[in-house]
Amino acid sequence: MLPFVQLSRNPLKLPSILNSEIVASSRLFSIESLDLRFSNGETRTFERLPKRGREAVIVCAVTENREVVLIREYMAGLHKYELGLPKGRVDLGESFAYAANRELKEEAGFGARSIVHLRELSLAPGQMGFSIHAMLATDLYPESLPGDEPEPLEVVLWPLDRIDELIFSHELSEARSIATLKIAEVALQGNHPEEPTLIAAG
């Protein structure tokens, strides 16, 4: 039986932006106030963190022994150490695949000869304009690049067939890592249409 999917028969019209204003900002974030008018005439004011700066990638790297490459690092938002996937910003002139390979080398000490773009993920689209590109890296080899972390990161190899155990553990809470792990699991079963982007070794 096919899953039931409710499709909108009438495409929704985006609300009109009557006014936008940055009401607060820091080194990393800005808060934007939006005055909106919806197609039914209703007006509302929304606040959001708009997309700012460069794109970002998050990398699910899988070894030949079907182990996922994780890193343990300090999470300032929770003031604790947690496991997660390597991730970072895409530098100017980089492709998503190249940035994913660089971040993997900087944070985990691996390079990848095959990287595929899985999909773009948002975190809280009602309030945030940020997104990140989930990448799957395979055919790994050891290679390190200097990173910008304040301390060395612990690398943990986790069996792919125990991913559900990881997701339900207290070691990992980040939604982006959890989503990427599950999407990569589906892709590795042959259910992803995109061809891999090959990365030259070195």
N, C-alpha and C. Protein backbone atom coordinates (compact mmCIF):
# COMPACT_ATOMS: atom_id res chain seq x y z
N MET A 1 0.84 -1.19 0.00
CA MET A 1 0.00 0.00 0.00
C MET A 1 0.89 1.25 0.00
N LEU A 2 0.58 2.17 -0.89
CA LEU A 2 1.35 3.41 -0.96
C LEU A 2 1.00 4.32 0.21
N PRO A 3 1.99 5.05 0.76
CA PRO A 3 1.68 5.99 1.84
C PRO A 3 0.77 7.11 1.34
N PHE A 4 -0.12 7.58 2.23
CA PHE A 4 -1.03 8.65 1.88
C PHE A 4 -0.31 9.99 1.99
N VAL A 5 -0.37 10.77 0.94
CA VAL A 5 0.25 12.10 0.94
C VAL A 5 -0.81 13.12 0.53
N GLN A 6 -1.05 14.09 1.40
CA GLN A 6 -2.02 15.13 1.09
C GLN A 6 -1.33 16.24 0.31
N LEU A 7 -1.75 16.43 -0.93
CA LEU A 7 -1.17 17.48 -1.75
C LEU A 7 -2.12 18.66 -1.82
N SER A 8 -1.55 19.86 -1.80
CA SER A 8 -2.36 21.06 -1.90
C SER A 8 -2.83 21.25 -3.34
N ARG A 9 -4.16 21.39 -3.53
CA ARG A 9 -4.69 21.59 -4.86
C ARG A 9 -4.50 23.03 -5.32
N ASN A 10 -4.44 23.94 -4.38
CA ASN A 10 -4.28 25.35 -4.71
C ASN A 10 -2.96 25.84 -4.10
N PRO A 11 -1.94 26.04 -4.91
CA PRO A 11 -0.66 26.51 -4.38
C PRO A 11 -0.84 27.80 -3.59
N LEU A 12 -0.23 27.84 -2.41
CA LEU A 12 -0.37 29.00 -1.55
C LEU A 12 0.47 30.16 -2.07
N LYS A 13 -0.08 31.35 -1.95
CA LYS A 13 0.63 32.56 -2.34
C LYS A 13 1.41 33.07 -1.14
N LEU A 14 2.68 33.34 -1.37
CA LEU A 14 3.51 33.85 -0.28
C LEU A 14 3.00 35.20 0.20
N PRO A 15 3.09 35.47 1.51
CA PRO A 15 2.68 36.79 2.01
C PRO A 15 3.59 37.88 1.47
N SER A 16 3.04 39.08 1.36
CA SER A 16 3.83 40.23 0.92
C SER A 16 4.61 40.80 2.09
N ILE A 17 5.88 41.14 1.85
CA ILE A 17 6.71 41.77 2.88
C ILE A 17 6.49 43.28 2.81
N LEU A 18 5.83 43.81 3.83
CA LEU A 18 5.56 45.25 3.87
C LEU A 18 6.77 46.03 4.37
N ASN A 19 7.51 45.42 5.29
CA ASN A 19 8.68 46.09 5.83
C ASN A 19 9.57 45.05 6.48
N SER A 20 10.88 45.23 6.38
CA SER A 20 11.83 44.37 7.07
C SER A 20 12.90 45.23 7.73
N GLU A 21 13.33 44.80 8.91
CA GLU A 21 14.28 45.60 9.68
C GLU A 21 15.10 44.68 10.58
N ILE A 22 16.43 44.89 10.60
CA ILE A 22 17.30 44.18 11.53
C ILE A 22 17.18 44.86 12.89
N VAL A 23 16.69 44.12 13.88
CA VAL A 23 16.45 44.71 15.20
C VAL A 23 17.54 44.36 16.21
N ALA A 24 18.38 43.37 15.89
CA ALA A 24 19.50 43.03 16.77
C ALA A 24 20.49 42.21 15.95
N SER A 25 21.76 42.29 16.34
CA SER A 25 22.77 41.51 15.63
C SER A 25 23.97 41.26 16.53
N SER A 26 24.68 40.18 16.24
CA SER A 26 25.91 39.83 16.93
C SER A 26 26.93 39.41 15.89
N ARG A 27 28.04 38.89 16.35
CA ARG A 27 29.08 38.44 15.42
C ARG A 27 28.59 37.31 14.53
N LEU A 28 27.67 36.49 15.04
CA LEU A 28 27.22 35.31 14.30
C LEU A 28 25.80 35.41 13.78
N PHE A 29 24.91 36.15 14.47
CA PHE A 29 23.49 36.13 14.14
C PHE A 29 22.91 37.52 14.01
N SER A 30 21.83 37.62 13.25
CA SER A 30 21.01 38.82 13.17
C SER A 30 19.56 38.42 13.41
N ILE A 31 18.79 39.31 14.01
CA ILE A 31 17.35 39.10 14.18
C ILE A 31 16.64 40.11 13.30
N GLU A 32 15.80 39.60 12.40
CA GLU A 32 15.08 40.44 11.45
C GLU A 32 13.60 40.45 11.78
N SER A 33 13.01 41.63 11.81
CA SER A 33 11.57 41.78 12.00
C SER A 33 10.91 41.96 10.64
N LEU A 34 9.86 41.15 10.37
CA LEU A 34 9.16 41.20 9.09
C LEU A 34 7.70 41.57 9.32
N ASP A 35 7.24 42.64 8.68
CA ASP A 35 5.82 42.98 8.66
C ASP A 35 5.23 42.36 7.40
N LEU A 36 4.26 41.46 7.56
CA LEU A 36 3.73 40.68 6.45
C LEU A 36 2.23 40.90 6.27
N ARG A 37 1.80 40.83 5.00
CA ARG A 37 0.38 40.78 4.69
C ARG A 37 0.10 39.49 3.93
N PHE A 38 -0.81 38.66 4.48
CA PHE A 38 -1.16 37.40 3.86
C PHE A 38 -2.24 37.60 2.80
N SER A 39 -2.42 36.57 1.97
CA SER A 39 -3.32 36.71 0.81
C SER A 39 -4.77 36.95 1.23
N ASN A 40 -5.12 36.60 2.48
CA ASN A 40 -6.48 36.85 2.96
C ASN A 40 -6.64 38.22 3.61
N GLY A 41 -5.57 39.04 3.56
CA GLY A 41 -5.62 40.39 4.10
C GLY A 41 -5.09 40.52 5.51
N GLU A 42 -4.89 39.42 6.22
CA GLU A 42 -4.37 39.48 7.58
C GLU A 42 -2.91 39.98 7.58
N THR A 43 -2.56 40.77 8.59
CA THR A 43 -1.19 41.25 8.73
C THR A 43 -0.60 40.73 10.04
N ARG A 44 0.66 40.42 10.02
CA ARG A 44 1.37 39.94 11.20
C ARG A 44 2.81 40.41 11.15
N THR A 45 3.44 40.46 12.31
CA THR A 45 4.87 40.73 12.41
C THR A 45 5.56 39.46 12.87
N PHE A 46 6.52 39.00 12.09
CA PHE A 46 7.31 37.81 12.42
C PHE A 46 8.74 38.25 12.69
N GLU A 47 9.44 37.51 13.56
CA GLU A 47 10.87 37.69 13.75
C GLU A 47 11.57 36.40 13.34
N ARG A 48 12.72 36.56 12.68
CA ARG A 48 13.46 35.39 12.22
C ARG A 48 14.96 35.66 12.28
N LEU A 49 15.72 34.58 12.26
CA LEU A 49 17.16 34.66 12.06
C LEU A 49 17.40 34.40 10.57
N PRO A 50 17.66 35.44 9.78
CA PRO A 50 17.78 35.24 8.33
C PRO A 50 19.07 34.51 7.96
N LYS A 51 19.04 33.90 6.78
CA LYS A 51 20.25 33.26 6.27
C LYS A 51 21.33 34.30 6.09
N ARG A 52 22.52 33.97 6.53
CA ARG A 52 23.60 34.95 6.52
C ARG A 52 24.91 34.24 6.25
N GLY A 53 25.68 34.78 5.34
CA GLY A 53 27.00 34.22 5.07
C GLY A 53 26.95 33.02 4.14
N ARG A 54 27.93 32.14 4.29
CA ARG A 54 28.13 31.05 3.35
C ARG A 54 27.27 29.83 3.68
N GLU A 55 27.22 28.90 2.71
CA GLU A 55 26.51 27.63 2.92
C GLU A 55 27.31 26.76 3.89
N ALA A 56 26.70 25.64 4.31
CA ALA A 56 27.36 24.73 5.24
C ALA A 56 27.08 23.29 4.83
N VAL A 57 27.96 22.39 5.26
CA VAL A 57 27.81 20.96 4.97
C VAL A 57 27.94 20.16 6.26
N ILE A 58 27.29 19.00 6.28
CA ILE A 58 27.44 18.03 7.36
C ILE A 58 27.70 16.68 6.69
N VAL A 59 28.65 15.91 7.23
CA VAL A 59 29.19 14.76 6.49
C VAL A 59 28.99 13.46 7.27
N CYS A 60 28.28 12.52 6.65
CA CYS A 60 28.22 11.15 7.16
C CYS A 60 29.24 10.34 6.37
N ALA A 61 30.36 10.05 7.00
CA ALA A 61 31.44 9.28 6.36
C ALA A 61 31.39 7.84 6.87
N VAL A 62 31.46 6.89 5.94
CA VAL A 62 31.34 5.47 6.28
C VAL A 62 32.59 4.74 5.82
N THR A 63 33.24 4.01 6.73
CA THR A 63 34.45 3.27 6.42
C THR A 63 34.13 1.99 5.65
N GLU A 64 35.17 1.32 5.16
CA GLU A 64 34.97 0.06 4.43
C GLU A 64 34.43 -1.03 5.35
N ASN A 65 34.59 -0.84 6.68
CA ASN A 65 34.04 -1.79 7.65
C ASN A 65 32.64 -1.40 8.09
N ARG A 66 32.01 -0.50 7.35
CA ARG A 66 30.64 -0.04 7.62
C ARG A 66 30.54 0.57 9.03
N GLU A 67 31.48 1.47 9.31
CA GLU A 67 31.47 2.24 10.54
C GLU A 67 31.31 3.72 10.18
N VAL A 68 30.49 4.43 10.95
CA VAL A 68 30.28 5.85 10.75
C VAL A 68 31.33 6.63 11.53
N VAL A 69 31.91 7.65 10.89
CA VAL A 69 32.92 8.47 11.53
C VAL A 69 32.23 9.61 12.30
N LEU A 70 32.38 9.58 13.63
CA LEU A 70 31.81 10.59 14.50
C LEU A 70 32.94 11.37 15.18
N ILE A 71 32.62 12.55 15.64
CA ILE A 71 33.55 13.32 16.45
C ILE A 71 32.86 13.73 17.75
N ARG A 72 33.64 13.78 18.81
CA ARG A 72 33.13 14.25 20.09
C ARG A 72 33.71 15.64 20.33
N GLU A 73 32.83 16.62 20.49
CA GLU A 73 33.31 17.99 20.67
C GLU A 73 32.42 18.74 21.64
N TYR A 74 32.94 19.88 22.11
CA TYR A 74 32.21 20.72 23.05
C TYR A 74 31.08 21.45 22.35
N MET A 75 29.87 21.38 22.93
CA MET A 75 28.70 22.06 22.42
C MET A 75 28.36 23.22 23.36
N ALA A 76 28.66 24.43 22.94
CA ALA A 76 28.48 25.59 23.82
C ALA A 76 27.02 25.80 24.22
N GLY A 77 26.08 25.50 23.30
CA GLY A 77 24.67 25.72 23.61
C GLY A 77 24.20 24.90 24.78
N LEU A 78 24.73 23.68 24.93
CA LEU A 78 24.34 22.79 26.02
C LEU A 78 25.40 22.74 27.12
N HIS A 79 26.57 23.33 26.89
CA HIS A 79 27.71 23.29 27.80
C HIS A 79 28.04 21.84 28.18
N LYS A 80 28.24 21.01 27.15
CA LYS A 80 28.59 19.62 27.36
C LYS A 80 29.29 19.10 26.11
N TYR A 81 29.90 17.92 26.24
CA TYR A 81 30.50 17.25 25.09
C TYR A 81 29.50 16.25 24.53
N GLU A 82 29.40 16.19 23.20
CA GLU A 82 28.51 15.26 22.53
C GLU A 82 29.17 14.71 21.27
N LEU A 83 28.65 13.55 20.84
CA LEU A 83 29.03 13.02 19.54
C LEU A 83 28.23 13.73 18.45
N GLY A 84 28.81 13.82 17.28
CA GLY A 84 28.12 14.39 16.13
C GLY A 84 28.89 14.09 14.87
N LEU A 85 28.38 14.54 13.75
CA LEU A 85 29.05 14.36 12.47
C LEU A 85 29.93 15.57 12.16
N PRO A 86 31.01 15.38 11.42
CA PRO A 86 31.81 16.54 10.98
C PRO A 86 30.96 17.50 10.17
N LYS A 87 31.20 18.78 10.35
CA LYS A 87 30.40 19.79 9.66
C LYS A 87 31.18 21.09 9.60
N GLY A 88 30.75 22.00 8.73
CA GLY A 88 31.39 23.30 8.67
C GLY A 88 30.92 24.10 7.48
N ARG A 89 31.43 25.31 7.36
CA ARG A 89 31.03 26.21 6.30
C ARG A 89 31.73 25.88 4.98
N VAL A 90 31.07 26.25 3.91
CA VAL A 90 31.64 26.11 2.57
C VAL A 90 32.41 27.40 2.26
N ASP A 91 33.70 27.28 2.03
CA ASP A 91 34.51 28.45 1.72
C ASP A 91 34.24 28.94 0.30
N LEU A 92 34.58 30.20 0.06
CA LEU A 92 34.35 30.78 -1.25
C LEU A 92 35.06 29.98 -2.33
N GLY A 93 34.34 29.66 -3.40
CA GLY A 93 34.91 28.91 -4.51
C GLY A 93 34.86 27.40 -4.36
N GLU A 94 34.43 26.90 -3.20
CA GLU A 94 34.35 25.47 -2.98
C GLU A 94 33.00 24.90 -3.42
N SER A 95 33.00 23.68 -3.91
CA SER A 95 31.76 22.94 -4.12
C SER A 95 31.37 22.31 -2.78
N PHE A 96 30.13 21.83 -2.69
CA PHE A 96 29.71 21.16 -1.46
C PHE A 96 30.58 19.93 -1.20
N ALA A 97 30.88 19.17 -2.26
CA ALA A 97 31.68 17.96 -2.11
C ALA A 97 33.10 18.29 -1.63
N TYR A 98 33.70 19.34 -2.20
CA TYR A 98 35.05 19.71 -1.81
C TYR A 98 35.08 20.17 -0.34
N ALA A 99 34.08 20.97 0.05
CA ALA A 99 34.01 21.45 1.42
C ALA A 99 33.81 20.29 2.39
N ALA A 100 32.97 19.32 2.01
CA ALA A 100 32.74 18.16 2.86
C ALA A 100 34.03 17.38 3.05
N ASN A 101 34.79 17.20 1.98
CA ASN A 101 36.06 16.48 2.07
C ASN A 101 37.06 17.22 2.95
N ARG A 102 37.11 18.53 2.79
CA ARG A 102 38.03 19.33 3.63
C ARG A 102 37.67 19.24 5.10
N GLU A 103 36.38 19.41 5.42
CA GLU A 103 35.94 19.34 6.82
C GLU A 103 36.22 17.97 7.42
N LEU A 104 36.04 16.92 6.62
CA LEU A 104 36.30 15.57 7.09
C LEU A 104 37.79 15.41 7.43
N LYS A 105 38.65 15.97 6.61
CA LYS A 105 40.09 15.89 6.87
C LYS A 105 40.47 16.72 8.10
N GLU A 106 39.88 17.91 8.24
CA GLU A 106 40.21 18.79 9.36
C GLU A 106 39.72 18.24 10.69
N GLU A 107 38.53 17.66 10.71
CA GLU A 107 37.92 17.29 11.99
C GLU A 107 38.10 15.82 12.35
N ALA A 108 38.26 14.95 11.35
CA ALA A 108 38.28 13.52 11.66
C ALA A 108 39.51 12.78 11.14
N GLY A 109 40.34 13.43 10.32
CA GLY A 109 41.54 12.77 9.83
C GLY A 109 41.31 11.78 8.72
N PHE A 110 40.22 11.95 7.96
CA PHE A 110 39.93 11.11 6.82
C PHE A 110 39.64 11.97 5.60
N GLY A 111 40.01 11.46 4.43
CA GLY A 111 39.54 12.00 3.16
C GLY A 111 38.62 10.97 2.53
N ALA A 112 37.89 11.37 1.48
CA ALA A 112 36.96 10.46 0.81
C ALA A 112 37.13 10.59 -0.70
N ARG A 113 37.11 9.46 -1.39
CA ARG A 113 37.19 9.47 -2.85
C ARG A 113 35.81 9.56 -3.50
N SER A 114 34.78 9.29 -2.73
CA SER A 114 33.42 9.39 -3.26
C SER A 114 32.54 10.14 -2.28
N ILE A 115 31.89 11.21 -2.75
CA ILE A 115 31.00 12.00 -1.91
C ILE A 115 29.73 12.31 -2.70
N VAL A 116 28.59 12.07 -2.08
CA VAL A 116 27.32 12.35 -2.74
C VAL A 116 26.51 13.33 -1.89
N HIS A 117 25.87 14.26 -2.59
CA HIS A 117 24.98 15.23 -1.93
C HIS A 117 23.64 14.54 -1.69
N LEU A 118 23.23 14.44 -0.42
CA LEU A 118 21.98 13.76 -0.08
C LEU A 118 20.78 14.68 -0.19
N ARG A 119 20.81 15.79 0.52
CA ARG A 119 19.74 16.78 0.42
C ARG A 119 20.06 17.97 1.33
N GLU A 120 19.32 19.04 1.16
CA GLU A 120 19.45 20.22 2.01
C GLU A 120 18.49 20.08 3.19
N LEU A 121 18.97 20.43 4.38
CA LEU A 121 18.17 20.33 5.60
C LEU A 121 18.01 21.70 6.23
N SER A 122 16.81 21.98 6.76
CA SER A 122 16.62 23.16 7.60
C SER A 122 16.43 22.68 9.04
N LEU A 123 16.58 23.59 9.98
CA LEU A 123 16.51 23.21 11.39
C LEU A 123 15.19 23.64 12.02
N ALA A 124 14.87 24.89 11.91
CA ALA A 124 13.61 25.42 12.44
C ALA A 124 13.11 26.46 11.43
N PRO A 125 12.52 26.01 10.30
CA PRO A 125 12.20 26.93 9.21
C PRO A 125 11.18 28.00 9.56
N GLY A 126 10.45 27.81 10.64
CA GLY A 126 9.52 28.86 11.06
C GLY A 126 10.21 30.08 11.64
N GLN A 127 11.43 29.90 12.13
CA GLN A 127 12.15 31.01 12.77
C GLN A 127 13.54 31.26 12.21
N MET A 128 14.09 30.31 11.45
CA MET A 128 15.48 30.43 11.03
C MET A 128 15.62 30.19 9.53
N GLY A 129 16.45 31.00 8.89
CA GLY A 129 16.70 30.84 7.47
C GLY A 129 17.89 29.96 7.17
N PHE A 130 18.55 29.45 8.21
CA PHE A 130 19.74 28.64 8.01
C PHE A 130 19.39 27.28 7.44
N SER A 131 20.32 26.72 6.64
CA SER A 131 20.19 25.35 6.16
C SER A 131 21.58 24.74 6.09
N ILE A 132 21.62 23.43 5.91
CA ILE A 132 22.89 22.72 5.82
C ILE A 132 22.71 21.60 4.81
N HIS A 133 23.79 21.26 4.09
CA HIS A 133 23.73 20.25 3.05
C HIS A 133 24.30 18.94 3.56
N ALA A 134 23.45 17.91 3.60
CA ALA A 134 23.86 16.59 4.08
C ALA A 134 24.61 15.86 2.98
N MET A 135 25.79 15.33 3.33
CA MET A 135 26.67 14.67 2.37
C MET A 135 27.02 13.27 2.87
N LEU A 136 27.15 12.33 1.94
CA LEU A 136 27.57 10.97 2.26
C LEU A 136 28.95 10.73 1.65
N ALA A 137 29.92 10.37 2.49
CA ALA A 137 31.30 10.15 2.05
C ALA A 137 31.68 8.68 2.24
N THR A 138 32.23 8.07 1.19
CA THR A 138 32.68 6.68 1.26
C THR A 138 34.04 6.56 0.57
N ASP A 139 34.59 5.34 0.59
CA ASP A 139 35.92 5.07 0.06
C ASP A 139 36.93 6.00 0.74
N LEU A 140 37.04 5.83 2.04
CA LEU A 140 37.85 6.73 2.87
C LEU A 140 39.32 6.33 2.86
N TYR A 141 40.17 7.30 3.16
CA TYR A 141 41.60 7.09 3.34
C TYR A 141 42.09 8.07 4.39
N PRO A 142 43.16 7.74 5.13
CA PRO A 142 43.65 8.64 6.17
C PRO A 142 44.34 9.86 5.60
N GLU A 143 43.89 11.03 6.02
CA GLU A 143 44.55 12.28 5.67
C GLU A 143 44.02 13.37 6.60
N SER A 144 44.91 14.18 7.12
CA SER A 144 44.53 15.24 8.05
C SER A 144 44.93 16.60 7.52
N LEU A 145 44.12 17.58 7.84
CA LEU A 145 44.42 18.99 7.59
C LEU A 145 44.25 19.75 8.89
N PRO A 146 45.01 20.81 9.11
CA PRO A 146 44.81 21.61 10.33
C PRO A 146 43.44 22.27 10.32
N GLY A 147 42.75 22.23 11.45
CA GLY A 147 41.44 22.85 11.58
C GLY A 147 41.49 24.07 12.48
N ASP A 148 40.31 24.59 12.81
CA ASP A 148 40.25 25.79 13.64
C ASP A 148 39.60 25.53 15.00
N GLU A 149 39.49 24.24 15.40
CA GLU A 149 38.90 23.93 16.69
C GLU A 149 39.86 24.31 17.82
N PRO A 150 39.32 24.68 19.00
CA PRO A 150 40.19 25.10 20.11
C PRO A 150 40.94 23.95 20.76
N GLU A 151 40.54 22.70 20.49
CA GLU A 151 41.21 21.55 21.07
C GLU A 151 41.06 20.36 20.11
N PRO A 152 41.93 19.36 20.22
CA PRO A 152 41.80 18.19 19.35
C PRO A 152 40.44 17.50 19.56
N LEU A 153 39.85 17.03 18.47
CA LEU A 153 38.56 16.35 18.55
C LEU A 153 38.77 14.84 18.66
N GLU A 154 37.97 14.21 19.51
CA GLU A 154 38.02 12.75 19.62
C GLU A 154 37.23 12.14 18.47
N VAL A 155 37.82 11.20 17.76
CA VAL A 155 37.16 10.51 16.66
C VAL A 155 36.63 9.17 17.16
N VAL A 156 35.37 8.90 16.88
CA VAL A 156 34.72 7.66 17.31
C VAL A 156 34.14 6.97 16.07
N LEU A 157 34.44 5.70 15.89
CA LEU A 157 33.87 4.91 14.79
C LEU A 157 32.71 4.08 15.35
N TRP A 158 31.52 4.27 14.76
CA TRP A 158 30.32 3.62 15.28
C TRP A 158 29.76 2.69 14.20
N PRO A 159 29.47 1.42 14.56
CA PRO A 159 28.95 0.47 13.56
C PRO A 159 27.65 0.97 12.93
N LEU A 160 27.58 0.90 11.62
CA LEU A 160 26.40 1.37 10.91
C LEU A 160 25.15 0.58 11.31
N ASP A 161 25.31 -0.69 11.61
CA ASP A 161 24.14 -1.49 11.96
C ASP A 161 23.66 -1.25 13.39
N ARG A 162 24.33 -0.33 14.09
CA ARG A 162 23.88 0.06 15.45
C ARG A 162 23.53 1.54 15.50
N ILE A 163 23.15 2.11 14.35
CA ILE A 163 22.82 3.53 14.30
C ILE A 163 21.63 3.86 15.19
N ASP A 164 20.61 3.00 15.21
CA ASP A 164 19.44 3.28 16.03
C ASP A 164 19.81 3.35 17.51
N GLU A 165 20.75 2.53 17.94
CA GLU A 165 21.23 2.58 19.32
C GLU A 165 21.88 3.93 19.61
N LEU A 166 22.65 4.43 18.67
CA LEU A 166 23.29 5.75 18.83
C LEU A 166 22.24 6.85 18.92
N ILE A 167 21.25 6.80 18.04
CA ILE A 167 20.24 7.86 17.98
C ILE A 167 19.45 7.95 19.27
N PHE A 168 19.22 6.81 19.93
CA PHE A 168 18.44 6.81 21.16
C PHE A 168 19.31 6.92 22.41
N SER A 169 20.60 7.09 22.23
CA SER A 169 21.50 7.24 23.38
C SER A 169 21.58 8.70 23.80
N HIS A 170 22.23 8.91 24.94
CA HIS A 170 22.45 10.28 25.43
C HIS A 170 23.73 10.89 24.86
N GLU A 171 24.40 10.15 23.99
CA GLU A 171 25.65 10.63 23.40
C GLU A 171 25.40 11.64 22.29
N LEU A 172 24.21 11.63 21.71
CA LEU A 172 23.93 12.43 20.52
C LEU A 172 22.52 13.00 20.61
N SER A 173 22.41 14.34 20.48
CA SER A 173 21.08 14.95 20.52
C SER A 173 20.83 15.88 19.34
N GLU A 174 21.86 16.18 18.54
CA GLU A 174 21.70 17.17 17.47
C GLU A 174 20.84 16.63 16.35
N ALA A 175 19.76 17.35 16.04
CA ALA A 175 18.80 16.90 15.03
C ALA A 175 19.43 16.78 13.65
N ARG A 176 20.36 17.68 13.28
CA ARG A 176 20.98 17.63 11.96
C ARG A 176 21.80 16.35 11.78
N SER A 177 22.53 15.95 12.81
CA SER A 177 23.31 14.72 12.73
C SER A 177 22.40 13.50 12.65
N ILE A 178 21.34 13.49 13.47
CA ILE A 178 20.41 12.37 13.47
C ILE A 178 19.75 12.23 12.10
N ALA A 179 19.28 13.34 11.54
CA ALA A 179 18.63 13.30 10.23
C ALA A 179 19.59 12.82 9.15
N THR A 180 20.82 13.33 9.16
CA THR A 180 21.80 12.95 8.15
C THR A 180 22.14 11.47 8.25
N LEU A 181 22.27 10.95 9.47
CA LEU A 181 22.56 9.53 9.65
C LEU A 181 21.46 8.66 9.05
N LYS A 182 20.21 9.01 9.29
CA LYS A 182 19.10 8.19 8.78
C LYS A 182 18.96 8.32 7.26
N ILE A 183 19.16 9.53 6.73
CA ILE A 183 19.09 9.71 5.27
C ILE A 183 20.22 8.96 4.59
N ALA A 184 21.42 9.00 5.19
CA ALA A 184 22.55 8.25 4.63
C ALA A 184 22.28 6.75 4.67
N GLU A 185 21.65 6.29 5.74
CA GLU A 185 21.32 4.87 5.85
C GLU A 185 20.40 4.45 4.69
N VAL A 186 19.42 5.28 4.37
CA VAL A 186 18.52 5.00 3.25
C VAL A 186 19.30 5.01 1.93
N ALA A 187 20.18 6.00 1.75
CA ALA A 187 20.95 6.10 0.51
C ALA A 187 21.85 4.89 0.31
N LEU A 188 22.42 4.39 1.40
CA LEU A 188 23.31 3.24 1.30
C LEU A 188 22.56 1.96 0.94
N GLN A 189 21.26 1.96 1.10
CA GLN A 189 20.44 0.83 0.70
C GLN A 189 20.06 0.91 -0.78
N GLY A 190 20.59 1.94 -1.47
CA GLY A 190 20.35 2.08 -2.90
C GLY A 190 19.11 2.85 -3.25
N ASN A 191 18.59 3.63 -2.30
CA ASN A 191 17.34 4.34 -2.52
C ASN A 191 17.53 5.84 -2.71
N HIS A 192 18.67 6.22 -3.28
CA HIS A 192 18.93 7.64 -3.54
C HIS A 192 19.30 7.79 -5.01
N PRO A 193 18.67 8.74 -5.72
CA PRO A 193 18.86 8.80 -7.17
C PRO A 193 20.12 9.49 -7.65
N GLU A 194 20.79 10.22 -6.79
CA GLU A 194 21.90 11.05 -7.26
C GLU A 194 23.20 10.27 -7.39
N GLU A 195 23.93 10.50 -8.45
CA GLU A 195 25.22 9.84 -8.65
C GLU A 195 26.29 10.50 -7.77
N PRO A 196 27.28 9.72 -7.28
CA PRO A 196 28.32 10.30 -6.43
C PRO A 196 29.22 11.25 -7.19
N THR A 197 29.72 12.24 -6.47
CA THR A 197 30.72 13.15 -7.01
C THR A 197 32.09 12.63 -6.60
N LEU A 198 32.94 12.30 -7.56
CA LEU A 198 34.24 11.72 -7.23
C LEU A 198 35.23 12.80 -6.85
N ILE A 199 35.96 12.55 -5.79
CA ILE A 199 36.97 13.48 -5.29
C ILE A 199 38.35 12.85 -5.48
N ALA A 200 39.26 13.57 -6.09
CA ALA A 200 40.61 13.03 -6.29
C ALA A 200 41.34 12.91 -4.97
N ALA A 201 42.02 11.82 -4.77
CA ALA A 201 42.79 11.62 -3.54
C ALA A 201 43.84 12.70 -3.40
N GLY A 202 44.07 13.10 -2.14
CA GLY A 202 45.07 14.12 -1.87
C GLY A 202 44.48 15.47 -1.84
